[in-house]
Amino acid sequence: MLNGLSIRSLPVIFGRPEAPVTDGGRIVLPAGEFAQIANGEEARFIAYLEFLVGEGRSRGNHVHARRAEALYVVRGRLRARWADVASGEREEQVLKGGDLVHVAPGLAHAYEALEYTQAIEFSATPFDPLDVTPYRF
């Protein structure tokens, strides 16, 4: 796995958990799912993303020099690509609902829907358009 990239599938708990969930998890109750995607992390940027299937609908395709960000896939599937711009090393994976990805500065990233997908992006750093450099995969 690329340095500065972490991917974790949040554990699924059916019913009321026996102990408090403090490090992320998906709790499935009769009323619906509760997903804890961050606890104790600062979030100064939060965005909802909808990914539609089709040619030319990839999101991202850029790199940040200073900003780390996380992406939580609520539902659906994405083809994810990352590249370390310093080393040229690349990685590709399919993300699915329940996956949480942390991307460090210097890792270019792009996400393409394999099916209708919803996600949440968050970062401790506010969005700065001057910290976005296009990157072609």
N, C-alpha and C. Protein backbone atom coordinates (compact mmCIF):
# COMPACT_ATOMS: atom_id res chain seq x y z
N MET A 1 0.85 -1.18 0.00
CA MET A 1 0.00 0.00 0.00
C MET A 1 0.89 1.24 0.00
N LEU A 2 0.45 2.26 -0.69
CA LEU A 2 1.19 3.51 -0.76
C LEU A 2 1.39 4.13 0.63
N ASN A 3 2.54 4.72 0.84
CA ASN A 3 2.79 5.45 2.07
C ASN A 3 1.85 6.66 2.10
N GLY A 4 1.14 6.86 3.22
CA GLY A 4 0.21 7.97 3.34
C GLY A 4 -1.21 7.64 2.94
N LEU A 5 -1.46 6.37 2.60
CA LEU A 5 -2.80 5.92 2.23
C LEU A 5 -3.24 4.84 3.21
N SER A 6 -4.43 4.99 3.77
CA SER A 6 -4.99 3.92 4.60
C SER A 6 -6.43 3.69 4.18
N ILE A 7 -6.79 2.42 4.11
CA ILE A 7 -8.15 2.01 3.73
C ILE A 7 -8.62 1.03 4.80
N ARG A 8 -9.80 1.31 5.33
CA ARG A 8 -10.36 0.46 6.38
C ARG A 8 -11.84 0.25 6.13
N SER A 9 -12.28 -0.99 6.16
CA SER A 9 -13.71 -1.29 6.12
C SER A 9 -14.22 -1.25 7.55
N LEU A 10 -15.15 -0.35 7.83
CA LEU A 10 -15.66 -0.24 9.19
C LEU A 10 -16.41 -1.51 9.57
N PRO A 11 -16.22 -2.00 10.79
CA PRO A 11 -16.92 -3.21 11.22
C PRO A 11 -18.43 -2.96 11.31
N VAL A 12 -19.19 -4.01 11.02
CA VAL A 12 -20.66 -3.93 11.08
C VAL A 12 -21.12 -4.66 12.34
N ILE A 13 -21.93 -3.97 13.12
CA ILE A 13 -22.49 -4.54 14.35
C ILE A 13 -24.01 -4.58 14.17
N PHE A 14 -24.58 -5.74 14.29
CA PHE A 14 -26.03 -5.89 14.17
C PHE A 14 -26.65 -5.85 15.55
N GLY A 15 -27.52 -4.90 15.77
CA GLY A 15 -28.14 -4.73 17.08
C GLY A 15 -27.33 -3.80 17.95
N ARG A 16 -27.84 -3.58 19.14
CA ARG A 16 -27.19 -2.67 20.08
C ARG A 16 -25.84 -3.25 20.52
N PRO A 17 -24.75 -2.46 20.38
CA PRO A 17 -23.44 -2.99 20.77
C PRO A 17 -23.34 -3.22 22.28
N GLU A 18 -22.55 -4.22 22.65
CA GLU A 18 -22.36 -4.52 24.08
C GLU A 18 -21.52 -3.46 24.77
N ALA A 19 -20.59 -2.85 24.02
CA ALA A 19 -19.73 -1.79 24.57
C ALA A 19 -19.81 -0.59 23.63
N PRO A 20 -19.55 0.60 24.15
CA PRO A 20 -19.59 1.78 23.28
C PRO A 20 -18.62 1.65 22.11
N VAL A 21 -19.03 2.12 20.95
CA VAL A 21 -18.18 2.15 19.77
C VAL A 21 -17.44 3.48 19.78
N THR A 22 -16.11 3.42 19.81
CA THR A 22 -15.34 4.66 19.89
C THR A 22 -14.34 4.83 18.75
N ASP A 23 -14.08 3.77 17.99
CA ASP A 23 -13.08 3.89 16.93
C ASP A 23 -13.64 3.58 15.55
N GLY A 24 -14.91 3.88 15.35
CA GLY A 24 -15.55 3.70 14.04
C GLY A 24 -16.28 2.38 13.94
N GLY A 25 -17.43 2.43 13.33
CA GLY A 25 -18.20 1.22 13.12
C GLY A 25 -19.57 1.55 12.57
N ARG A 26 -20.20 0.52 12.02
CA ARG A 26 -21.54 0.65 11.45
C ARG A 26 -22.49 -0.17 12.33
N ILE A 27 -23.40 0.51 12.99
CA ILE A 27 -24.35 -0.15 13.88
C ILE A 27 -25.69 -0.22 13.15
N VAL A 28 -26.15 -1.45 12.91
CA VAL A 28 -27.39 -1.67 12.17
C VAL A 28 -28.49 -1.99 13.17
N LEU A 29 -29.45 -1.08 13.27
CA LEU A 29 -30.59 -1.20 14.19
C LEU A 29 -31.88 -1.26 13.39
N PRO A 30 -32.99 -1.67 14.01
CA PRO A 30 -34.27 -1.70 13.29
C PRO A 30 -34.64 -0.34 12.67
N ALA A 31 -34.20 0.75 13.28
CA ALA A 31 -34.52 2.08 12.76
C ALA A 31 -33.61 2.50 11.61
N GLY A 32 -32.54 1.74 11.35
CA GLY A 32 -31.60 2.07 10.28
C GLY A 32 -30.16 2.00 10.77
N GLU A 33 -29.26 2.33 9.86
CA GLU A 33 -27.83 2.24 10.16
C GLU A 33 -27.29 3.54 10.74
N PHE A 34 -26.42 3.40 11.73
CA PHE A 34 -25.68 4.50 12.32
C PHE A 34 -24.21 4.22 12.03
N ALA A 35 -23.55 5.11 11.30
CA ALA A 35 -22.13 4.90 10.98
C ALA A 35 -21.30 5.96 11.67
N GLN A 36 -20.41 5.51 12.55
CA GLN A 36 -19.48 6.43 13.20
C GLN A 36 -18.20 6.39 12.37
N ILE A 37 -17.91 7.51 11.68
CA ILE A 37 -16.76 7.54 10.78
C ILE A 37 -15.58 8.32 11.36
N ALA A 38 -15.82 9.11 12.37
CA ALA A 38 -14.74 9.85 13.03
C ALA A 38 -15.15 10.10 14.47
N ASN A 39 -14.18 10.06 15.37
CA ASN A 39 -14.43 10.35 16.77
C ASN A 39 -13.15 10.94 17.35
N GLY A 40 -13.19 12.22 17.67
CA GLY A 40 -12.03 12.89 18.21
C GLY A 40 -11.18 13.60 17.17
N GLU A 41 -11.49 13.41 15.89
CA GLU A 41 -10.77 14.10 14.84
C GLU A 41 -11.42 15.46 14.58
N GLU A 42 -10.59 16.43 14.28
CA GLU A 42 -11.11 17.75 13.92
C GLU A 42 -11.56 17.72 12.46
N ALA A 43 -12.70 18.32 12.19
CA ALA A 43 -13.20 18.42 10.81
C ALA A 43 -13.56 19.88 10.54
N ARG A 44 -12.76 20.51 9.69
CA ARG A 44 -13.03 21.90 9.31
C ARG A 44 -13.58 21.98 7.90
N PHE A 45 -13.73 20.82 7.26
CA PHE A 45 -14.34 20.71 5.94
C PHE A 45 -15.11 19.41 5.90
N ILE A 46 -16.38 19.46 5.52
CA ILE A 46 -17.21 18.26 5.37
C ILE A 46 -18.05 18.45 4.12
N ALA A 47 -18.08 17.43 3.26
CA ALA A 47 -18.86 17.52 2.02
C ALA A 47 -19.53 16.18 1.72
N TYR A 48 -20.73 16.26 1.18
CA TYR A 48 -21.44 15.09 0.65
C TYR A 48 -21.12 15.00 -0.83
N LEU A 49 -20.82 13.80 -1.31
CA LEU A 49 -20.53 13.60 -2.73
C LEU A 49 -21.44 12.54 -3.31
N GLU A 50 -21.96 12.83 -4.47
CA GLU A 50 -22.74 11.87 -5.24
C GLU A 50 -21.91 11.53 -6.47
N PHE A 51 -21.77 10.25 -6.74
CA PHE A 51 -21.00 9.78 -7.89
C PHE A 51 -21.97 9.09 -8.86
N LEU A 52 -22.03 9.59 -10.07
CA LEU A 52 -22.88 9.01 -11.11
C LEU A 52 -22.01 8.23 -12.08
N VAL A 53 -22.56 7.14 -12.60
CA VAL A 53 -21.84 6.28 -13.53
C VAL A 53 -21.84 6.93 -14.91
N GLY A 54 -20.71 6.83 -15.59
CA GLY A 54 -20.64 7.31 -16.96
C GLY A 54 -19.27 7.84 -17.32
N GLU A 55 -18.98 7.82 -18.58
CA GLU A 55 -17.71 8.32 -19.10
C GLU A 55 -17.52 9.79 -18.75
N GLY A 56 -16.33 10.13 -18.32
CA GLY A 56 -16.01 11.52 -18.01
C GLY A 56 -16.56 12.02 -16.69
N ARG A 57 -17.03 11.12 -15.82
CA ARG A 57 -17.62 11.54 -14.54
C ARG A 57 -16.74 11.22 -13.35
N SER A 58 -15.47 11.06 -13.60
CA SER A 58 -14.52 10.81 -12.51
C SER A 58 -14.39 12.07 -11.65
N ARG A 59 -14.22 11.88 -10.35
CA ARG A 59 -14.02 13.00 -9.43
C ARG A 59 -12.60 12.96 -8.89
N GLY A 60 -12.11 14.11 -8.52
CA GLY A 60 -10.75 14.20 -8.00
C GLY A 60 -9.82 14.58 -9.13
N ASN A 61 -8.93 13.64 -9.50
CA ASN A 61 -7.94 13.90 -10.54
C ASN A 61 -7.07 15.10 -10.17
N HIS A 62 -6.66 15.13 -8.90
CA HIS A 62 -5.82 16.22 -8.43
C HIS A 62 -5.00 15.75 -7.23
N VAL A 63 -4.12 16.64 -6.80
CA VAL A 63 -3.29 16.38 -5.62
C VAL A 63 -3.25 17.65 -4.78
N HIS A 64 -3.13 17.47 -3.47
CA HIS A 64 -2.98 18.59 -2.54
C HIS A 64 -1.57 18.53 -1.96
N ALA A 65 -0.91 19.66 -1.89
CA ALA A 65 0.43 19.71 -1.29
C ALA A 65 0.36 19.74 0.23
N ARG A 66 -0.71 20.34 0.78
CA ARG A 66 -0.79 20.53 2.23
C ARG A 66 -1.97 19.83 2.90
N ARG A 67 -2.96 19.44 2.15
CA ARG A 67 -4.21 18.96 2.76
C ARG A 67 -4.31 17.44 2.78
N ALA A 68 -4.58 16.89 3.96
CA ALA A 68 -4.95 15.48 4.09
C ALA A 68 -6.47 15.43 4.10
N GLU A 69 -7.04 14.36 3.55
CA GLU A 69 -8.49 14.25 3.56
C GLU A 69 -8.90 12.80 3.71
N ALA A 70 -10.16 12.63 4.10
CA ALA A 70 -10.73 11.29 4.27
C ALA A 70 -12.00 11.20 3.44
N LEU A 71 -12.27 10.00 2.95
CA LEU A 71 -13.49 9.73 2.18
C LEU A 71 -14.15 8.50 2.78
N TYR A 72 -15.42 8.64 3.16
CA TYR A 72 -16.21 7.51 3.66
C TYR A 72 -17.27 7.19 2.61
N VAL A 73 -17.27 5.95 2.13
CA VAL A 73 -18.26 5.52 1.14
C VAL A 73 -19.50 5.05 1.89
N VAL A 74 -20.58 5.77 1.74
CA VAL A 74 -21.84 5.44 2.41
C VAL A 74 -22.48 4.23 1.74
N ARG A 75 -22.59 4.29 0.40
CA ARG A 75 -23.17 3.17 -0.36
C ARG A 75 -22.64 3.23 -1.78
N GLY A 76 -22.60 2.06 -2.42
CA GLY A 76 -22.13 1.98 -3.80
C GLY A 76 -20.73 1.43 -3.90
N ARG A 77 -20.16 1.57 -5.10
CA ARG A 77 -18.80 1.09 -5.37
C ARG A 77 -18.08 2.11 -6.25
N LEU A 78 -16.81 2.34 -5.93
CA LEU A 78 -15.96 3.27 -6.67
C LEU A 78 -14.67 2.59 -7.09
N ARG A 79 -14.20 2.91 -8.27
CA ARG A 79 -12.83 2.55 -8.65
C ARG A 79 -11.98 3.73 -8.18
N ALA A 80 -11.03 3.46 -7.29
CA ALA A 80 -10.19 4.50 -6.72
C ALA A 80 -8.77 4.33 -7.22
N ARG A 81 -8.17 5.46 -7.59
CA ARG A 81 -6.77 5.45 -8.04
C ARG A 81 -6.01 6.50 -7.25
N TRP A 82 -4.79 6.13 -6.85
CA TRP A 82 -3.91 7.04 -6.13
C TRP A 82 -2.53 6.96 -6.75
N ALA A 83 -1.79 8.07 -6.65
CA ALA A 83 -0.41 8.10 -7.12
C ALA A 83 0.40 8.98 -6.19
N ASP A 84 1.56 8.50 -5.81
CA ASP A 84 2.51 9.29 -5.04
C ASP A 84 3.27 10.14 -6.05
N VAL A 85 3.03 11.44 -6.05
CA VAL A 85 3.63 12.29 -7.08
C VAL A 85 5.15 12.37 -6.96
N ALA A 86 5.71 12.13 -5.77
CA ALA A 86 7.16 12.18 -5.59
C ALA A 86 7.84 10.94 -6.17
N SER A 87 7.26 9.77 -5.91
CA SER A 87 7.91 8.52 -6.34
C SER A 87 7.35 7.97 -7.65
N GLY A 88 6.14 8.39 -8.02
CA GLY A 88 5.49 7.85 -9.22
C GLY A 88 4.76 6.54 -8.95
N GLU A 89 4.86 6.01 -7.74
CA GLU A 89 4.18 4.76 -7.40
C GLU A 89 2.66 4.96 -7.44
N ARG A 90 1.95 3.94 -7.94
CA ARG A 90 0.50 4.03 -8.08
C ARG A 90 -0.20 2.84 -7.45
N GLU A 91 -1.48 3.06 -7.13
CA GLU A 91 -2.30 1.98 -6.59
C GLU A 91 -3.74 2.19 -7.05
N GLU A 92 -4.45 1.08 -7.23
CA GLU A 92 -5.87 1.13 -7.62
C GLU A 92 -6.61 0.07 -6.82
N GLN A 93 -7.81 0.43 -6.33
CA GLN A 93 -8.65 -0.51 -5.61
C GLN A 93 -10.11 -0.17 -5.85
N VAL A 94 -10.97 -1.13 -5.58
CA VAL A 94 -12.41 -0.88 -5.60
C VAL A 94 -12.84 -0.65 -4.16
N LEU A 95 -13.51 0.49 -3.93
CA LEU A 95 -14.06 0.81 -2.62
C LEU A 95 -15.54 0.50 -2.62
N LYS A 96 -16.06 0.11 -1.47
CA LYS A 96 -17.49 -0.22 -1.34
C LYS A 96 -18.05 0.48 -0.11
N GLY A 97 -19.37 0.46 0.00
CA GLY A 97 -20.03 1.04 1.15
C GLY A 97 -19.42 0.54 2.45
N GLY A 98 -19.11 1.47 3.36
CA GLY A 98 -18.50 1.11 4.63
C GLY A 98 -17.00 1.29 4.66
N ASP A 99 -16.39 1.58 3.49
CA ASP A 99 -14.93 1.79 3.46
C ASP A 99 -14.59 3.24 3.82
N LEU A 100 -13.53 3.40 4.59
CA LEU A 100 -13.03 4.70 5.01
C LEU A 100 -11.58 4.82 4.55
N VAL A 101 -11.30 5.85 3.77
CA VAL A 101 -9.98 6.05 3.18
C VAL A 101 -9.39 7.36 3.70
N HIS A 102 -8.14 7.33 4.12
CA HIS A 102 -7.41 8.54 4.48
C HIS A 102 -6.29 8.74 3.46
N VAL A 103 -6.22 9.94 2.90
CA VAL A 103 -5.25 10.27 1.86
C VAL A 103 -4.37 11.41 2.35
N ALA A 104 -3.07 11.17 2.40
CA ALA A 104 -2.10 12.17 2.87
C ALA A 104 -1.81 13.19 1.76
N PRO A 105 -1.29 14.36 2.14
CA PRO A 105 -0.84 15.32 1.13
C PRO A 105 0.20 14.67 0.22
N GLY A 106 0.20 15.06 -1.03
CA GLY A 106 1.16 14.51 -1.98
C GLY A 106 0.69 13.27 -2.71
N LEU A 107 -0.49 12.74 -2.33
CA LEU A 107 -1.05 11.59 -3.04
C LEU A 107 -2.17 12.08 -3.96
N ALA A 108 -1.95 11.97 -5.25
CA ALA A 108 -3.01 12.30 -6.21
C ALA A 108 -4.10 11.26 -6.07
N HIS A 109 -5.35 11.67 -6.34
CA HIS A 109 -6.46 10.74 -6.17
C HIS A 109 -7.56 11.01 -7.19
N ALA A 110 -8.23 9.93 -7.57
CA ALA A 110 -9.37 10.00 -8.49
C ALA A 110 -10.33 8.88 -8.14
N TYR A 111 -11.62 9.17 -8.25
CA TYR A 111 -12.67 8.20 -7.92
C TYR A 111 -13.68 8.17 -9.05
N GLU A 112 -14.03 6.96 -9.48
CA GLU A 112 -14.99 6.77 -10.57
C GLU A 112 -16.05 5.76 -10.14
N ALA A 113 -17.31 6.13 -10.31
CA ALA A 113 -18.42 5.27 -9.88
C ALA A 113 -18.52 4.03 -10.76
N LEU A 114 -18.60 2.87 -10.12
CA LEU A 114 -18.92 1.62 -10.81
C LEU A 114 -20.42 1.37 -10.75
N GLU A 115 -21.07 2.03 -9.81
CA GLU A 115 -22.52 2.06 -9.66
C GLU A 115 -22.85 3.34 -8.89
N TYR A 116 -24.10 3.69 -8.81
CA TYR A 116 -24.47 4.91 -8.09
C TYR A 116 -23.87 4.84 -6.69
N THR A 117 -23.15 5.90 -6.30
CA THR A 117 -22.42 5.90 -5.04
C THR A 117 -22.61 7.22 -4.31
N GLN A 118 -22.67 7.14 -2.98
CA GLN A 118 -22.73 8.31 -2.12
C GLN A 118 -21.58 8.22 -1.13
N ALA A 119 -20.98 9.38 -0.83
CA ALA A 119 -19.83 9.40 0.07
C ALA A 119 -19.80 10.71 0.84
N ILE A 120 -19.00 10.73 1.88
CA ILE A 120 -18.75 11.92 2.67
C ILE A 120 -17.24 12.13 2.69
N GLU A 121 -16.82 13.35 2.39
CA GLU A 121 -15.41 13.72 2.46
C GLU A 121 -15.23 14.68 3.63
N PHE A 122 -14.15 14.50 4.38
CA PHE A 122 -13.89 15.44 5.46
C PHE A 122 -12.39 15.62 5.64
N SER A 123 -12.05 16.78 6.23
CA SER A 123 -10.65 17.13 6.43
C SER A 123 -10.53 18.09 7.61
N ALA A 124 -9.41 18.03 8.28
CA ALA A 124 -9.13 18.98 9.35
C ALA A 124 -8.72 20.34 8.77
N THR A 125 -8.42 20.36 7.48
CA THR A 125 -7.98 21.57 6.79
C THR A 125 -9.10 22.09 5.90
N PRO A 126 -9.44 23.37 5.99
CA PRO A 126 -10.44 23.91 5.08
C PRO A 126 -9.99 23.80 3.63
N PHE A 127 -10.95 23.75 2.73
CA PHE A 127 -10.63 23.69 1.30
C PHE A 127 -9.94 24.98 0.87
N ASP A 128 -8.85 24.85 0.13
CA ASP A 128 -8.12 25.99 -0.41
C ASP A 128 -7.89 25.73 -1.89
N PRO A 129 -8.52 26.49 -2.79
CA PRO A 129 -8.35 26.24 -4.22
C PRO A 129 -6.91 26.39 -4.69
N LEU A 130 -6.06 27.09 -3.93
CA LEU A 130 -4.65 27.24 -4.30
C LEU A 130 -3.84 25.98 -3.96
N ASP A 131 -4.45 25.04 -3.23
CA ASP A 131 -3.79 23.78 -2.86
C ASP A 131 -4.32 22.62 -3.69
N VAL A 132 -4.82 22.89 -4.87
CA VAL A 132 -5.34 21.86 -5.77
C VAL A 132 -4.54 21.92 -7.08
N THR A 133 -3.81 20.85 -7.37
CA THR A 133 -3.05 20.76 -8.61
C THR A 133 -3.62 19.60 -9.43
N PRO A 134 -4.08 19.86 -10.67
CA PRO A 134 -4.61 18.77 -11.49
C PRO A 134 -3.57 17.66 -11.70
N TYR A 135 -4.07 16.43 -11.79
CA TYR A 135 -3.22 15.26 -12.00
C TYR A 135 -3.95 14.32 -12.94
N ARG A 136 -3.30 13.92 -14.01
CA ARG A 136 -3.91 13.00 -14.98
C ARG A 136 -3.45 11.57 -14.73
N PHE A 137 -4.42 10.70 -14.56
CA PHE A 137 -4.11 9.27 -14.39
C PHE A 137 -4.09 8.59 -15.75
